[in-house]
C-alpha atoms as a PDB file:
ATOM      1  CA  UNK A   1     -91.666  57.997  10.076  1.00  0.00           C
ATOM      2  CA  UNK A   2     -94.786  55.961  10.635  1.00  0.00           C
ATOM      3  CA  UNK A   3     -94.424  52.224  11.110  1.00  0.00           C
ATOM      4  CA  UNK A   4     -95.836  50.532   8.032  1.00  0.00           C
ATOM      5  CA  UNK A   5     -96.531  47.266   9.865  1.00  0.00           C
ATOM      6  CA  UNK A   6     -99.581  47.361  12.008  1.00  0.00           C
ATOM      7  CA  UNK A   7    -100.097  45.142  15.007  1.00  0.00           C
ATOM      8  CA  UNK A   8    -102.760  42.741  13.774  1.00  0.00           C
ATOM      9  CA  UNK A   9    -102.489  40.144  16.527  1.00  0.00           C
ATOM     10  CA  UNK A  10    -105.658  39.023  18.194  1.00  0.00           C
ATOM     11  CA  UNK A  11    -106.285  39.786  21.822  1.00  0.00           C
ATOM     12  CA  UNK A  12    -105.643  36.717  23.938  1.00  0.00           C
ATOM     13  CA  UNK A  13    -108.264  36.130  26.584  1.00  0.00           C
ATOM     14  CA  UNK A  14    -106.987  33.735  29.211  1.00  0.00           C
ATOM     15  CA  UNK A  15    -110.451  33.133  30.617  1.00  0.00           C
ATOM     16  CA  UNK A  16    -111.588  31.467  27.363  1.00  0.00           C
ATOM     17  CA  UNK A  17    -110.973  27.810  26.817  1.00  0.00           C
ATOM     18  CA  UNK A  18    -109.020  26.903  23.716  1.00  0.00           C
ATOM     19  CA  UNK A  19    -110.958  25.514  20.779  1.00  0.00           C
ATOM     20  CA  UNK A  20    -109.192  22.141  20.908  1.00  0.00           C
ATOM     21  CA  UNK A  21    -109.871  21.770  24.642  1.00  0.00           C
ATOM     22  CA  UNK A  22    -113.521  22.682  24.130  1.00  0.00           C
ATOM     23  CA  UNK A  23    -113.944  20.228  21.232  1.00  0.00           C
ATOM     24  CA  UNK A  24    -112.310  17.482  23.291  1.00  0.00           C
ATOM     25  CA  UNK A  25    -114.596  18.179  26.252  1.00  0.00           C
ATOM     26  CA  UNK A  26    -117.688  18.127  24.026  1.00  0.00           C
ATOM     27  CA  UNK A  27    -116.619  14.889  22.390  1.00  0.00           C
ATOM     28  CA  UNK A  28    -116.589  13.184  25.785  1.00  0.00           C
ATOM     29  CA  UNK A  29    -120.170  14.157  26.649  1.00  0.00           C
ATOM     30  CA  UNK A  30    -122.988  11.662  26.400  1.00  0.00           C
ATOM     31  CA  UNK A  31    -126.129  12.320  24.383  1.00  0.00           C
ATOM     32  CA  UNK A  32    -128.075  13.003  27.592  1.00  0.00           C
ATOM     33  CA  UNK A  33    -125.505  15.567  28.721  1.00  0.00           C
ATOM     34  CA  UNK A  34    -125.621  17.304  25.333  1.00  0.00           C
ATOM     35  CA  UNK A  35    -129.422  17.392  25.535  1.00  0.00           C
ATOM     36  CA  UNK A  36    -129.112  18.876  29.025  1.00  0.00           C
ATOM     37  CA  UNK A  37    -126.776  21.586  27.711  1.00  0.00           C
ATOM     38  CA  UNK A  38    -129.256  22.374  24.941  1.00  0.00           C
ATOM     39  CA  UNK A  39    -132.098  22.685  27.436  1.00  0.00           C
ATOM     40  CA  UNK A  40    -130.044  24.846  29.797  1.00  0.00           C
ATOM     41  CA  UNK A  41    -128.951  27.065  26.923  1.00  0.00           C
ATOM     42  CA  UNK A  42    -132.600  27.797  26.139  1.00  0.00           C
ATOM     43  CA  UNK A  43    -133.617  28.275  29.755  1.00  0.00           C
ATOM     44  CA  UNK A  44    -130.984  28.474  32.498  1.00  0.00           C
ATOM     45  CA  UNK A  45    -133.740  28.848  35.115  1.00  0.00           C
ATOM     46  CA  UNK A  46    -134.291  25.087  34.828  1.00  0.00           C
ATOM     47  CA  UNK A  47    -131.525  24.719  37.413  1.00  0.00           C
ATOM     48  CA  UNK A  48    -133.583  26.717  39.889  1.00  0.00           C
ATOM     49  CA  UNK A  49    -136.649  24.557  39.218  1.00  0.00           C
ATOM     50  CA  UNK A  50    -134.765  21.305  39.847  1.00  0.00           C
ATOM     51  CA  UNK A  51    -134.242  20.366  43.413  1.00  0.00           C
ATOM     52  CA  UNK A  52    -131.453  18.173  44.710  1.00  0.00           C
ATOM     53  CA  UNK A  53    -133.851  15.327  45.413  1.00  0.00           C
ATOM     54  CA  UNK A  54    -134.331  14.674  41.720  1.00  0.00           C
ATOM     55  CA  UNK A  55    -130.787  13.351  41.862  1.00  0.00           C
ATOM     56  CA  UNK A  56    -130.367  12.708  38.169  1.00  0.00           C
ATOM     57  CA  UNK A  57    -129.599  16.167  36.789  1.00  0.00           C
ATOM     58  CA  UNK A  58    -126.904  17.190  39.268  1.00  0.00           C
ATOM     59  CA  UNK A  59    -124.487  14.299  38.613  1.00  0.00           C
ATOM     60  CA  UNK A  60    -124.723  15.096  34.899  1.00  0.00           C
ATOM     61  CA  UNK A  61    -123.949  18.749  35.593  1.00  0.00           C
ATOM     62  CA  UNK A  62    -121.009  17.807  37.821  1.00  0.00           C
ATOM     63  CA  UNK A  63    -119.652  15.533  35.073  1.00  0.00           C
ATOM     64  CA  UNK A  64    -119.997  18.314  32.456  1.00  0.00           C
ATOM     65  CA  UNK A  65    -118.199  20.754  34.758  1.00  0.00           C
ATOM     66  CA  UNK A  66    -115.388  18.262  35.360  1.00  0.00           C
ATOM     67  CA  UNK A  67    -114.981  17.647  31.600  1.00  0.00           C
ATOM     68  CA  UNK A  68    -114.684  21.379  30.953  1.00  0.00           C
ATOM     69  CA  UNK A  69    -112.814  22.126  34.197  1.00  0.00           C
ATOM     70  CA  UNK A  70    -115.102  25.091  34.904  1.00  0.00           C
ATOM     71  CA  UNK A  71    -116.961  26.105  38.025  1.00  0.00           C
ATOM     72  CA  UNK A  72    -120.441  26.850  36.628  1.00  0.00           C
ATOM     73  CA  UNK A  73    -122.678  25.535  33.898  1.00  0.00           C
ATOM     74  CA  UNK A  74    -123.112  29.116  32.625  1.00  0.00           C
ATOM     75  CA  UNK A  75    -119.347  29.204  31.908  1.00  0.00           C
ATOM     76  CA  UNK A  76    -119.673  25.964  29.933  1.00  0.00           C
ATOM     77  CA  UNK A  77    -122.505  27.374  27.851  1.00  0.00           C
ATOM     78  CA  UNK A  78    -120.525  30.586  27.247  1.00  0.00           C
ATOM     79  CA  UNK A  79    -117.430  28.605  26.227  1.00  0.00           C
ATOM     80  CA  UNK A  80    -119.410  26.528  23.744  1.00  0.00           C
ATOM     81  CA  UNK A  81    -121.213  29.602  22.385  1.00  0.00           C
ATOM     82  CA  UNK A  82    -117.933  31.496  21.933  1.00  0.00           C
ATOM     83  CA  UNK A  83    -117.046  29.110  19.137  1.00  0.00           C
ATOM     84  CA  UNK A  84    -120.620  28.685  17.854  1.00  0.00           C
ATOM     85  CA  UNK A  85    -120.319  24.977  18.599  1.00  0.00           C
ATOM     86  CA  UNK A  86    -124.035  24.704  19.303  1.00  0.00           C
ATOM     87  CA  UNK A  87    -124.649  25.240  15.586  1.00  0.00           C
ATOM     88  CA  UNK A  88    -121.679  23.155  14.487  1.00  0.00           C
ATOM     89  CA  UNK A  89    -122.752  20.116  16.473  1.00  0.00           C
ATOM     90  CA  UNK A  90    -126.457  20.759  15.855  1.00  0.00           C
ATOM     91  CA  UNK A  91    -127.043  21.503  19.523  1.00  0.00           C
END
């Protein structure tokens, strides 16, 4: 006899941040950091163009990474895009 109840649970992906954690991390970003995320989302090669002597962009990136507890800015952008938060927050 075939089981009439199907397994409809969603796959849990441990590498993804939870929605609540992501929203909390975004809420703690400044306007400049959000603008930086928007710019990096459009063109991630901006990081290659910026050198460490500019000094201003790297502390912002380090702060964003610490808020999200991730190791790269690409992971932050992916986490925010997973929930379409760029559109939700008008990023």
